[in-house]
């Protein structure tokens, strides 16, 4: 369980890193149009997806978007140049806040 908790904390750290990157720009579009911002964003999403996949056999797996996150990770890793910025924007805008809340809820219940 300790290993799973540390993985959840790592995911939360990567979400917070990504949100800090976003806050350096006026809009998500500006973030994604900045080479360094785009690369940093994709690296965080890749790490989140990879780490979530390591939780697929955990007691929390039914609460986490493991498959979808790992699919995003694979797309980034295998077709980096083909990444659709609109999809990444949607992930940042709509999916990351929900994932962050879920991870915090799991950590609160298991600490």
PDB file of N, CA and C in Angstrom:
ATOM      1  N   UNK A   1       0.822  -1.194   0.000  1.00  0.00           N
ATOM      2  CA  UNK A   1       0.000   0.000   0.000  1.00  0.00           C
ATOM      3  C   UNK A   1       0.868   1.260   0.000  1.00  0.00           C
ATOM      4  N   UNK A   2       2.015   1.212   0.685  1.00  0.00           N
ATOM      5  CA  UNK A   2       2.901   2.370   0.756  1.00  0.00           C
ATOM      6  C   UNK A   2       3.380   2.774  -0.637  1.00  0.00           C
ATOM      7  N   UNK A   3       3.742   1.781  -1.451  1.00  0.00           N
ATOM      8  CA  UNK A   3       4.193   2.058  -2.811  1.00  0.00           C
ATOM      9  C   UNK A   3       3.088   2.728  -3.632  1.00  0.00           C
ATOM     10  N   UNK A   4       1.848   2.281  -3.449  1.00  0.00           N
ATOM     11  CA  UNK A   4       0.721   2.878  -4.160  1.00  0.00           C
ATOM     12  C   UNK A   4       0.491   4.314  -3.706  1.00  0.00           C
ATOM     13  N   UNK A   5       0.619   4.556  -2.423  1.00  0.00           N
ATOM     14  CA  UNK A   5       0.448   5.913  -1.893  1.00  0.00           C
ATOM     15  C   UNK A   5       1.536   6.830  -2.458  1.00  0.00           C
ATOM     16  N   UNK A   6       2.774   6.349  -2.510  1.00  0.00           N
ATOM     17  CA  UNK A   6       3.846   7.185  -3.063  1.00  0.00           C
ATOM     18  C   UNK A   6       3.611   7.463  -4.546  1.00  0.00           C
ATOM     19  N   UNK A   7       3.051   6.509  -5.260  1.00  0.00           N
ATOM     20  CA  UNK A   7       2.728   6.742  -6.673  1.00  0.00           C
ATOM     21  C   UNK A   7       1.625   7.786  -6.827  1.00  0.00           C
ATOM     22  N   UNK A   8       0.624   7.718  -5.973  1.00  0.00           N
ATOM     23  CA  UNK A   8      -0.447   8.719  -6.011  1.00  0.00           C
ATOM     24  C   UNK A   8       0.105  10.108  -5.688  1.00  0.00           C
ATOM     25  N   UNK A   9       1.019  10.188  -4.731  1.00  0.00           N
ATOM     26  CA  UNK A   9       1.639  11.476  -4.405  1.00  0.00           C
ATOM     27  C   UNK A   9       2.459  12.000  -5.580  1.00  0.00           C
ATOM     28  N   UNK A  10       3.127  11.096  -6.291  1.00  0.00           N
ATOM     29  CA  UNK A  10       3.899  11.495  -7.469  1.00  0.00           C
ATOM     30  C   UNK A  10       2.965  12.043  -8.560  1.00  0.00           C
ATOM     31  N   UNK A  11       1.831  11.375  -8.759  1.00  0.00           N
ATOM     32  CA  UNK A  11       0.848  11.844  -9.745  1.00  0.00           C
ATOM     33  C   UNK A  11       0.369  13.239  -9.362  1.00  0.00           C
ATOM     34  N   UNK A  12       0.077  13.441  -8.105  1.00  0.00           N
ATOM     35  CA  UNK A  12      -0.368  14.751  -7.631  1.00  0.00           C
ATOM     36  C   UNK A  12       0.718  15.804  -7.861  1.00  0.00           C
ATOM     37  N   UNK A  13       1.957  15.427  -7.631  1.00  0.00           N
ATOM     38  CA  UNK A  13       3.084  16.341  -7.871  1.00  0.00           C
ATOM     39  C   UNK A  13       3.160  16.732  -9.352  1.00  0.00           C
ATOM     40  N   UNK A  14       2.977  15.772 -10.244  1.00  0.00           N
ATOM     41  CA  UNK A  14       3.037  16.059 -11.683  1.00  0.00           C
ATOM     42  C   UNK A  14       1.853  16.932 -12.119  1.00  0.00           C
ATOM     43  N   UNK A  15       0.680  16.691 -11.536  1.00  0.00           N
ATOM     44  CA  UNK A  15      -0.475  17.549 -11.835  1.00  0.00           C
ATOM     45  C   UNK A  15      -0.179  18.973 -11.380  1.00  0.00           C
ATOM     46  N   UNK A  16       0.351  19.108 -10.179  1.00  0.00           N
ATOM     47  CA  UNK A  16       0.671  20.442  -9.662  1.00  0.00           C
ATOM     48  C   UNK A  16       1.755  21.113 -10.505  1.00  0.00           C
ATOM     49  N   UNK A  17       2.754  20.352 -10.947  1.00  0.00           N
ATOM     50  CA  UNK A  17       3.782  20.908 -11.838  1.00  0.00           C
ATOM     51  C   UNK A  17       3.137  21.451 -13.106  1.00  0.00           C
ATOM     52  N   UNK A  18       2.267  20.667 -13.691  1.00  0.00           N
ATOM     53  CA  UNK A  18       1.611  21.078 -14.930  1.00  0.00           C
ATOM     54  C   UNK A  18       0.771  22.337 -14.707  1.00  0.00           C
ATOM     55  N   UNK A  19       0.068  22.399 -13.601  1.00  0.00           N
ATOM     56  CA  UNK A  19      -0.743  23.584 -13.303  1.00  0.00           C
ATOM     57  C   UNK A  19       0.132  24.815 -13.058  1.00  0.00           C
ATOM     58  N   UNK A  20       1.312  24.623 -12.482  1.00  0.00           N
ATOM     59  CA  UNK A  20       2.256  25.735 -12.315  1.00  0.00           C
ATOM     60  C   UNK A  20       2.741  26.224 -13.673  1.00  0.00           C
ATOM     61  N   UNK A  21       3.031  25.301 -14.580  1.00  0.00           N
ATOM     62  CA  UNK A  21       3.433  25.707 -15.937  1.00  0.00           C
ATOM     63  C   UNK A  21       2.319  26.535 -16.567  1.00  0.00           C
ATOM     64  N   UNK A  22       1.099  26.054 -16.429  1.00  0.00           N
ATOM     65  CA  UNK A  22      -0.061  26.742 -17.016  1.00  0.00           C
ATOM     66  C   UNK A  22      -0.197  28.152 -16.464  1.00  0.00           C
ATOM     67  N   UNK A  23       0.059  28.320 -15.185  1.00  0.00           N
ATOM     68  CA  UNK A  23      -0.109  29.625 -14.549  1.00  0.00           C
ATOM     69  C   UNK A  23       0.935  30.648 -14.983  1.00  0.00           C
ATOM     70  N   UNK A  24       1.979  30.212 -15.660  1.00  0.00           N
ATOM     71  CA  UNK A  24       2.984  31.138 -16.179  1.00  0.00           C
ATOM     72  C   UNK A  24       2.516  31.838 -17.453  1.00  0.00           C
ATOM     73  N   UNK A  25       1.401  31.381 -17.998  1.00  0.00           N
ATOM     74  CA  UNK A  25       0.878  31.923 -19.249  1.00  0.00           C
ATOM     75  C   UNK A  25      -0.534  32.455 -19.018  1.00  0.00           C
ATOM     76  N   UNK A  26      -0.974  33.352 -19.888  1.00  0.00           N
ATOM     77  CA  UNK A  26      -2.312  33.907 -19.763  1.00  0.00           C
ATOM     78  C   UNK A  26      -3.387  32.895 -20.124  1.00  0.00           C
ATOM     79  N   UNK A  27      -3.073  32.013 -21.072  1.00  0.00           N
ATOM     80  CA  UNK A  27      -4.045  31.017 -21.525  1.00  0.00           C
ATOM     81  C   UNK A  27      -3.358  29.670 -21.715  1.00  0.00           C
ATOM     82  N   UNK A  28      -4.163  28.635 -21.774  1.00  0.00           N
ATOM     83  CA  UNK A  28      -3.626  27.297 -22.060  1.00  0.00           C
ATOM     84  C   UNK A  28      -3.050  27.273 -23.473  1.00  0.00           C
ATOM     85  N   UNK A  29      -3.679  27.999 -24.395  1.00  0.00           N
ATOM     86  CA  UNK A  29      -3.179  28.050 -25.767  1.00  0.00           C
ATOM     87  C   UNK A  29      -1.753  28.595 -25.813  1.00  0.00           C
ATOM     88  N   UNK A  30      -1.496  29.648 -25.027  1.00  0.00           N
ATOM     89  CA  UNK A  30      -0.140  30.212 -24.976  1.00  0.00           C
ATOM     90  C   UNK A  30       0.849  29.187 -24.425  1.00  0.00           C
ATOM     91  N   UNK A  31       0.445  28.471 -23.392  1.00  0.00           N
ATOM     92  CA  UNK A  31       1.287  27.409 -22.835  1.00  0.00           C
ATOM     93  C   UNK A  31       1.653  26.398 -23.911  1.00  0.00           C
ATOM     94  N   UNK A  32       0.647  25.939 -24.650  1.00  0.00           N
ATOM     95  CA  UNK A  32       0.880  24.884 -25.635  1.00  0.00           C
ATOM     96  C   UNK A  32       1.580  25.380 -26.887  1.00  0.00           C
ATOM     97  N   UNK A  33       1.565  26.684 -27.127  1.00  0.00           N
ATOM     98  CA  UNK A  33       2.286  27.239 -28.270  1.00  0.00           C
ATOM     99  C   UNK A  33       3.728  27.606 -27.935  1.00  0.00           C
ATOM    100  N   UNK A  34       4.050  27.557 -26.657  1.00  0.00           N
ATOM    101  CA  UNK A  34       5.421  27.779 -26.213  1.00  0.00           C
ATOM    102  C   UNK A  34       6.157  26.439 -26.233  1.00  0.00           C
ATOM    103  N   UNK A  35       7.269  26.360 -26.932  1.00  0.00           N
ATOM    104  CA  UNK A  35       7.985  25.078 -27.107  1.00  0.00           C
ATOM    105  C   UNK A  35       8.307  24.421 -25.759  1.00  0.00           C
ATOM    106  N   UNK A  36       8.881  25.194 -24.847  1.00  0.00           N
ATOM    107  CA  UNK A  36       9.249  24.623 -23.557  1.00  0.00           C
ATOM    108  C   UNK A  36       8.005  24.258 -22.749  1.00  0.00           C
ATOM    109  N   UNK A  37       6.985  25.111 -22.781  1.00  0.00           N
ATOM    110  CA  UNK A  37       5.746  24.830 -22.069  1.00  0.00           C
ATOM    111  C   UNK A  37       5.060  23.585 -22.597  1.00  0.00           C
ATOM    112  N   UNK A  38       5.041  23.439 -23.928  1.00  0.00           N
ATOM    113  CA  UNK A  38       4.430  22.268 -24.558  1.00  0.00           C
ATOM    114  C   UNK A  38       5.171  20.991 -24.173  1.00  0.00           C
ATOM    115  N   UNK A  39       6.502  21.039 -24.278  1.00  0.00           N
ATOM    116  CA  UNK A  39       7.306  19.859 -23.937  1.00  0.00           C
ATOM    117  C   UNK A  39       7.132  19.477 -22.466  1.00  0.00           C
ATOM    118  N   UNK A  40       7.132  20.471 -21.586  1.00  0.00           N
ATOM    119  CA  UNK A  40       6.979  20.196 -20.152  1.00  0.00           C
ATOM    120  C   UNK A  40       5.596  19.611 -19.859  1.00  0.00           C
ATOM    121  N   UNK A  41       4.590  20.142 -20.531  1.00  0.00           N
ATOM    122  CA  UNK A  41       3.222  19.643 -20.356  1.00  0.00           C
ATOM    123  C   UNK A  41       3.120  18.187 -20.776  1.00  0.00           C
ATOM    124  N   UNK A  42       3.655  17.879 -21.944  1.00  0.00           N
ATOM    125  CA  UNK A  42       3.584  16.496 -22.432  1.00  0.00           C
ATOM    126  C   UNK A  42       4.372  15.538 -21.543  1.00  0.00           C
ATOM    127  N   UNK A  43       5.502  16.000 -21.020  1.00  0.00           N
ATOM    128  CA  UNK A  43       6.287  15.132 -20.131  1.00  0.00           C
ATOM    129  C   UNK A  43       5.490  14.826 -18.861  1.00  0.00           C
ATOM    130  N   UNK A  44       4.812  15.813 -18.305  1.00  0.00           N
ATOM    131  CA  UNK A  44       3.992  15.565 -17.108  1.00  0.00           C
ATOM    132  C   UNK A  44       2.863  14.585 -17.418  1.00  0.00           C
ATOM    133  N   UNK A  45       2.189  14.781 -18.542  1.00  0.00           N
ATOM    134  CA  UNK A  45       1.102  13.870 -18.917  1.00  0.00           C
ATOM    135  C   UNK A  45       1.618  12.456 -19.159  1.00  0.00           C
ATOM    136  N   UNK A  46       2.791  12.353 -19.763  1.00  0.00           N
ATOM    137  CA  UNK A  46       3.394  11.045 -19.995  1.00  0.00           C
ATOM    138  C   UNK A  46       3.677  10.357 -18.658  1.00  0.00           C
ATOM    139  N   UNK A  47       4.246  11.101 -17.719  1.00  0.00           N
ATOM    140  CA  UNK A  47       4.571  10.534 -16.408  1.00  0.00           C
ATOM    141  C   UNK A  47       3.315  10.165 -15.626  1.00  0.00           C
ATOM    142  N   UNK A  48       2.284  10.990 -15.730  1.00  0.00           N
ATOM    143  CA  UNK A  48       1.015  10.684 -15.052  1.00  0.00           C
ATOM    144  C   UNK A  48       0.438   9.381 -15.609  1.00  0.00           C
ATOM    145  N   UNK A  49       0.406   9.256 -16.924  1.00  0.00           N
ATOM    146  CA  UNK A  49      -0.129   8.044 -17.546  1.00  0.00           C
ATOM    147  C   UNK A  49       0.662   6.803 -17.187  1.00  0.00           C
ATOM    148  N   UNK A  50       1.980   6.934 -17.207  1.00  0.00           N
ATOM    149  CA  UNK A  50       2.845   5.795 -16.871  1.00  0.00           C
ATOM    150  C   UNK A  50       2.635   5.367 -15.418  1.00  0.00           C
ATOM    151  N   UNK A  51       2.553   6.325 -14.525  1.00  0.00           N
ATOM    152  CA  UNK A  51       2.395   6.010 -13.108  1.00  0.00           C
ATOM    153  C   UNK A  51       1.007   5.451 -12.812  1.00  0.00           C
ATOM    154  N   UNK A  52      -0.018   6.016 -13.442  1.00  0.00           N
ATOM    155  CA  UNK A  52      -1.361   5.458 -13.268  1.00  0.00           C
ATOM    156  C   UNK A  52      -1.408   4.001 -13.716  1.00  0.00           C
ATOM    157  N   UNK A  53      -0.731   3.693 -14.806  1.00  0.00           N
ATOM    158  CA  UNK A  53      -0.725   2.317 -15.298  1.00  0.00           C
ATOM    159  C   UNK A  53      -0.112   1.357 -14.272  1.00  0.00           C
ATOM    160  N   UNK A  54       0.836   1.839 -13.499  1.00  0.00           N
ATOM    161  CA  UNK A  54       1.446   1.010 -12.453  1.00  0.00           C
ATOM    162  C   UNK A  54       0.472   0.750 -11.296  1.00  0.00           C
ATOM    163  N   UNK A  55      -0.642   1.479 -11.278  1.00  0.00           N
ATOM    164  CA  UNK A  55      -1.653   1.293 -10.229  1.00  0.00           C
ATOM    165  C   UNK A  55      -2.823   0.434 -10.694  1.00  0.00           C
ATOM    166  N   UNK A  56      -2.697  -0.190 -11.871  1.00  0.00           N
ATOM    167  CA  UNK A  56      -3.838  -0.927 -12.431  1.00  0.00           C
ATOM    168  C   UNK A  56      -4.277  -2.109 -11.574  1.00  0.00           C
ATOM    169  N   UNK A  57      -3.407  -2.631 -10.726  1.00  0.00           N
ATOM    170  CA  UNK A  57      -3.785  -3.739  -9.836  1.00  0.00           C
ATOM    171  C   UNK A  57      -3.924  -3.299  -8.381  1.00  0.00           C
ATOM    172  N   UNK A  58      -4.027  -2.001  -8.181  1.00  0.00           N
ATOM    173  CA  UNK A  58      -4.135  -1.476  -6.819  1.00  0.00           C
ATOM    174  C   UNK A  58      -5.593  -1.486  -6.367  1.00  0.00           C
ATOM    175  N   UNK A  59      -5.813  -1.310  -5.078  1.00  0.00           N
ATOM    176  CA  UNK A  59      -7.197  -1.242  -4.578  1.00  0.00           C
ATOM    177  C   UNK A  59      -7.944   0.009  -5.062  1.00  0.00           C
ATOM    178  N   UNK A  60      -7.214   0.968  -5.643  1.00  0.00           N
ATOM    179  CA  UNK A  60      -7.826   2.222  -6.098  1.00  0.00           C
ATOM    180  C   UNK A  60      -8.113   2.229  -7.592  1.00  0.00           C
ATOM    181  N   UNK A  61      -7.768   1.178  -8.292  1.00  0.00           N
ATOM    182  CA  UNK A  61      -7.813   1.195  -9.758  1.00  0.00           C
ATOM    183  C   UNK A  61      -9.189   1.519 -10.325  1.00  0.00           C
ATOM    184  N   UNK A  62     -10.234   1.119  -9.632  1.00  0.00           N
ATOM    185  CA  UNK A  62     -11.581   1.391 -10.151  1.00  0.00           C
ATOM    186  C   UNK A  62     -11.965   2.869 -10.054  1.00  0.00           C
ATOM    187  N   UNK A  63     -11.212   3.644  -9.279  1.00  0.00           N
ATOM    188  CA  UNK A  63     -11.495   5.074  -9.118  1.00  0.00           C
ATOM    189  C   UNK A  63     -10.659   5.944 -10.053  1.00  0.00           C
ATOM    190  N   UNK A  64      -9.678   5.340 -10.717  1.00  0.00           N
ATOM    191  CA  UNK A  64      -8.707   6.096 -11.512  1.00  0.00           C
ATOM    192  C   UNK A  64      -8.888   5.860 -13.012  1.00  0.00           C
ATOM    193  N   UNK A  65      -8.643   6.890 -13.826  1.00  0.00           N
ATOM    194  CA  UNK A  65      -8.769   6.753 -15.288  1.00  0.00           C
ATOM    195  C   UNK A  65      -7.504   6.142 -15.905  1.00  0.00           C
ATOM    196  N   UNK A  66      -7.228   4.908 -15.543  1.00  0.00           N
ATOM    197  CA  UNK A  66      -5.956   4.290 -15.918  1.00  0.00           C
ATOM    198  C   UNK A  66      -5.847   4.079 -17.425  1.00  0.00           C
ATOM    199  N   UNK A  67      -6.822   3.449 -18.024  1.00  0.00           N
ATOM    200  CA  UNK A  67      -6.711   3.127 -19.452  1.00  0.00           C
ATOM    201  C   UNK A  67      -6.586   4.384 -20.303  1.00  0.00           C
ATOM    202  N   UNK A  68      -7.466   5.348 -20.098  1.00  0.00           N
ATOM    203  CA  UNK A  68      -7.425   6.572 -20.894  1.00  0.00           C
ATOM    204  C   UNK A  68      -6.121   7.330 -20.720  1.00  0.00           C
ATOM    205  N   UNK A  69      -5.626   7.391 -19.490  1.00  0.00           N
ATOM    206  CA  UNK A  69      -4.370   8.089 -19.218  1.00  0.00           C
ATOM    207  C   UNK A  69      -3.192   7.372 -19.864  1.00  0.00           C
ATOM    208  N   UNK A  70      -3.226   6.056 -19.831  1.00  0.00           N
ATOM    209  CA  UNK A  70      -2.132   5.302 -20.451  1.00  0.00           C
ATOM    210  C   UNK A  70      -2.201   5.403 -21.975  1.00  0.00           C
ATOM    211  N   UNK A  71      -3.399   5.488 -22.524  1.00  0.00           N
ATOM    212  CA  UNK A  71      -3.540   5.709 -23.967  1.00  0.00           C
ATOM    213  C   UNK A  71      -2.925   7.046 -24.366  1.00  0.00           C
ATOM    214  N   UNK A  72      -3.163   8.083 -23.563  1.00  0.00           N
ATOM    215  CA  UNK A  72      -2.561   9.397 -23.826  1.00  0.00           C
ATOM    216  C   UNK A  72      -1.045   9.284 -23.736  1.00  0.00           C
ATOM    217  N   UNK A  73      -0.563   8.599 -22.719  1.00  0.00           N
ATOM    218  CA  UNK A  73       0.877   8.395 -22.551  1.00  0.00           C
ATOM    219  C   UNK A  73       1.470   7.733 -23.786  1.00  0.00           C
ATOM    220  N   UNK A  74       0.821   6.683 -24.270  1.00  0.00           N
ATOM    221  CA  UNK A  74       1.328   5.974 -25.453  1.00  0.00           C
ATOM    222  C   UNK A  74       1.324   6.861 -26.685  1.00  0.00           C
ATOM    223  N   UNK A  75       0.278   7.635 -26.850  1.00  0.00           N
ATOM    224  CA  UNK A  75       0.210   8.518 -28.006  1.00  0.00           C
ATOM    225  C   UNK A  75       1.342   9.539 -27.965  1.00  0.00           C
ATOM    226  N   UNK A  76       1.576  10.130 -26.795  1.00  0.00           N
ATOM    227  CA  UNK A  76       2.663  11.104 -26.652  1.00  0.00           C
ATOM    228  C   UNK A  76       4.002  10.432 -26.939  1.00  0.00           C
ATOM    229  N   UNK A  77       4.212   9.266 -26.362  1.00  0.00           N
ATOM    230  CA  UNK A  77       5.502   8.586 -26.498  1.00  0.00           C
ATOM    231  C   UNK A  77       5.776   8.110 -27.919  1.00  0.00           C
ATOM    232  N   UNK A  78       4.736   7.710 -28.637  1.00  0.00           N
ATOM    233  CA  UNK A  78       4.947   7.082 -29.938  1.00  0.00           C
ATOM    234  C   UNK A  78       4.635   7.971 -31.134  1.00  0.00           C
ATOM    235  N   UNK A  79       3.958   9.100 -30.892  1.00  0.00           N
ATOM    236  CA  UNK A  79       3.650  10.010 -32.003  1.00  0.00           C
ATOM    237  C   UNK A  79       3.751  11.448 -31.515  1.00  0.00           C
ATOM    238  N   UNK A  80       4.881  11.771 -30.929  1.00  0.00           N
ATOM    239  CA  UNK A  80       5.088  13.068 -30.292  1.00  0.00           C
ATOM    240  C   UNK A  80       4.737  14.225 -31.220  1.00  0.00           C
ATOM    241  N   UNK A  81       5.169  14.139 -32.454  1.00  0.00           N
ATOM    242  CA  UNK A  81       4.923  15.221 -33.414  1.00  0.00           C
ATOM    243  C   UNK A  81       3.461  15.301 -33.838  1.00  0.00           C
ATOM    244  N   UNK A  82       2.703  14.239 -33.643  1.00  0.00           N
ATOM    245  CA  UNK A  82       1.310  14.221 -34.053  1.00  0.00           C
ATOM    246  C   UNK A  82       0.324  14.575 -32.952  1.00  0.00           C
ATOM    247  N   UNK A  83       0.826  14.997 -31.794  1.00  0.00           N
ATOM    248  CA  UNK A  83      -0.047  15.308 -30.666  1.00  0.00           C
ATOM    249  C   UNK A  83      -0.958  16.483 -31.017  1.00  0.00           C
ATOM    250  N   UNK A  84      -2.238  16.283 -30.798  1.00  0.00           N
ATOM    251  CA  UNK A  84      -3.247  17.301 -31.081  1.00  0.00           C
ATOM    252  C   UNK A  84      -3.372  18.221 -29.864  1.00  0.00           C
ATOM    253  N   UNK A  85      -3.039  19.485 -30.063  1.00  0.00           N
ATOM    254  CA  UNK A  85      -3.057  20.437 -28.945  1.00  0.00           C
ATOM    255  C   UNK A  85      -4.457  20.635 -28.368  1.00  0.00           C
ATOM    256  N   UNK A  86      -5.481  20.495 -29.182  1.00  0.00           N
ATOM    257  CA  UNK A  86      -6.847  20.652 -28.686  1.00  0.00           C
ATOM    258  C   UNK A  86      -7.188  19.551 -27.680  1.00  0.00           C
ATOM    259  N   UNK A  87      -6.697  18.357 -27.939  1.00  0.00           N
ATOM    260  CA  UNK A  87      -6.923  17.244 -26.998  1.00  0.00           C
ATOM    261  C   UNK A  87      -6.187  17.513 -25.690  1.00  0.00           C
ATOM    262  N   UNK A  88      -4.954  17.986 -25.792  1.00  0.00           N
ATOM    263  CA  UNK A  88      -4.171  18.289 -24.593  1.00  0.00           C
ATOM    264  C   UNK A  88      -4.844  19.415 -23.804  1.00  0.00           C
ATOM    265  N   UNK A  89      -5.340  20.411 -24.500  1.00  0.00           N
ATOM    266  CA  UNK A  89      -6.047  21.505 -23.828  1.00  0.00           C
ATOM    267  C   UNK A  89      -7.265  20.971 -23.079  1.00  0.00           C
ATOM    268  N   UNK A  90      -8.025  20.100 -23.704  1.00  0.00           N
ATOM    269  CA  UNK A  90      -9.194  19.504 -23.061  1.00  0.00           C
ATOM    270  C   UNK A  90      -8.797  18.707 -21.811  1.00  0.00           C
ATOM    271  N   UNK A  91      -7.704  17.983 -21.902  1.00  0.00           N
ATOM    272  CA  UNK A  91      -7.219  17.219 -20.749  1.00  0.00           C
ATOM    273  C   UNK A  91      -6.892  18.163 -19.598  1.00  0.00           C
ATOM    274  N   UNK A  92      -6.179  19.245 -19.907  1.00  0.00           N
ATOM    275  CA  UNK A  92      -5.789  20.199 -18.862  1.00  0.00           C
ATOM    276  C   UNK A  92      -7.021  20.873 -18.261  1.00  0.00           C
ATOM    277  N   UNK A  93      -7.931  21.280 -19.117  1.00  0.00           N
ATOM    278  CA  UNK A  93      -9.098  22.053 -18.690  1.00  0.00           C
ATOM    279  C   UNK A  93     -10.130  21.202 -17.945  1.00  0.00           C
ATOM    280  N   UNK A  94     -10.385  20.009 -18.454  1.00  0.00           N
ATOM    281  CA  UNK A  94     -11.522  19.234 -17.939  1.00  0.00           C
ATOM    282  C   UNK A  94     -11.148  17.980 -17.153  1.00  0.00           C
ATOM    283  N   UNK A  95     -10.098  17.309 -17.546  1.00  0.00           N
ATOM    284  CA  UNK A  95      -9.797  16.016 -16.931  1.00  0.00           C
ATOM    285  C   UNK A  95      -8.831  16.103 -15.754  1.00  0.00           C
ATOM    286  N   UNK A  96      -7.836  16.988 -15.839  1.00  0.00           N
ATOM    287  CA  UNK A  96      -6.871  17.085 -14.743  1.00  0.00           C
ATOM    288  C   UNK A  96      -7.497  17.515 -13.420  1.00  0.00           C
ATOM    289  N   UNK A  97      -8.403  18.507 -13.409  1.00  0.00           N
ATOM    290  CA  UNK A  97      -9.017  18.861 -12.119  1.00  0.00           C
ATOM    291  C   UNK A  97      -9.749  17.685 -11.471  1.00  0.00           C
ATOM    292  N   UNK A  98     -10.425  16.886 -12.272  1.00  0.00           N
ATOM    293  CA  UNK A  98     -11.130  15.719 -11.754  1.00  0.00           C
ATOM    294  C   UNK A  98     -10.151  14.674 -11.223  1.00  0.00           C
ATOM    295  N   UNK A  99      -9.065  14.439 -11.974  1.00  0.00           N
ATOM    296  CA  UNK A  99      -8.054  13.482 -11.523  1.00  0.00           C
ATOM    297  C   UNK A  99      -7.421  13.961 -10.225  1.00  0.00           C
ATOM    298  N   UNK A 100      -7.111  15.240 -10.154  1.00  0.00           N
ATOM    299  CA  UNK A 100      -6.504  15.791  -8.930  1.00  0.00           C
ATOM    300  C   UNK A 100      -7.425  15.564  -7.738  1.00  0.00           C
ATOM    301  N   UNK A 101      -8.705  15.855  -7.894  1.00  0.00           N
ATOM    302  CA  UNK A 101      -9.668  15.660  -6.809  1.00  0.00           C
ATOM    303  C   UNK A 101      -9.739  14.189  -6.394  1.00  0.00           C
ATOM    304  N   UNK A 102      -9.771  13.294  -7.369  1.00  0.00           N
ATOM    305  CA  UNK A 102      -9.826  11.857  -7.076  1.00  0.00           C
ATOM    306  C   UNK A 102      -8.598  11.412  -6.298  1.00  0.00           C
ATOM    307  N   UNK A 103      -7.418  11.842  -6.741  1.00  0.00           N
ATOM    308  CA  UNK A 103      -6.176  11.450  -6.063  1.00  0.00           C
ATOM    309  C   UNK A 103      -6.153  11.995  -4.637  1.00  0.00           C
ATOM    310  N   UNK A 104      -6.546  13.243  -4.475  1.00  0.00           N
ATOM    311  CA  UNK A 104      -6.577  13.827  -3.121  1.00  0.00           C
ATOM    312  C   UNK A 104      -7.570  13.060  -2.241  1.00  0.00           C
ATOM    313  N   UNK A 105      -8.723  12.735  -2.770  1.00  0.00           N
ATOM    314  CA  UNK A 105      -9.709  11.971  -1.989  1.00  0.00           C
ATOM    315  C   UNK A 105      -9.146  10.618  -1.562  1.00  0.00           C
ATOM    316  N   UNK A 106      -8.489   9.915  -2.472  1.00  0.00           N
ATOM    317  CA  UNK A 106      -7.900   8.610  -2.143  1.00  0.00           C
ATOM    318  C   UNK A 106      -6.825   8.779  -1.067  1.00  0.00           C
ATOM    319  N   UNK A 107      -5.973   9.767  -1.233  1.00  0.00           N
ATOM    320  CA  UNK A 107      -4.900  10.000  -0.246  1.00  0.00           C
ATOM    321  C   UNK A 107      -5.482  10.356   1.114  1.00  0.00           C
ATOM    322  N   UNK A 108      -6.516  11.186   1.131  1.00  0.00           N
ATOM    323  CA  UNK A 108      -7.131  11.575   2.410  1.00  0.00           C
ATOM    324  C   UNK A 108      -7.719  10.360   3.138  1.00  0.00           C
ATOM    325  N   UNK A 109      -8.329   9.454   2.374  1.00  0.00           N
ATOM    326  CA  UNK A 109      -8.953   8.278   2.974  1.00  0.00           C
ATOM    327  C   UNK A 109      -7.946   7.219   3.392  1.00  0.00           C
ATOM    328  N   UNK A 110      -6.727   7.316   2.881  1.00  0.00           N
ATOM    329  CA  UNK A 110      -5.725   6.275   3.157  1.00  0.00           C
ATOM    330  C   UNK A 110      -4.484   6.810   3.859  1.00  0.00           C
ATOM    331  N   UNK A 111      -4.627   7.917   4.549  1.00  0.00           N
ATOM    332  CA  UNK A 111      -3.447   8.443   5.255  1.00  0.00           C
ATOM    333  C   UNK A 111      -3.587   8.310   6.744  1.00  0.00           C
TER     334      UNK A 111
END
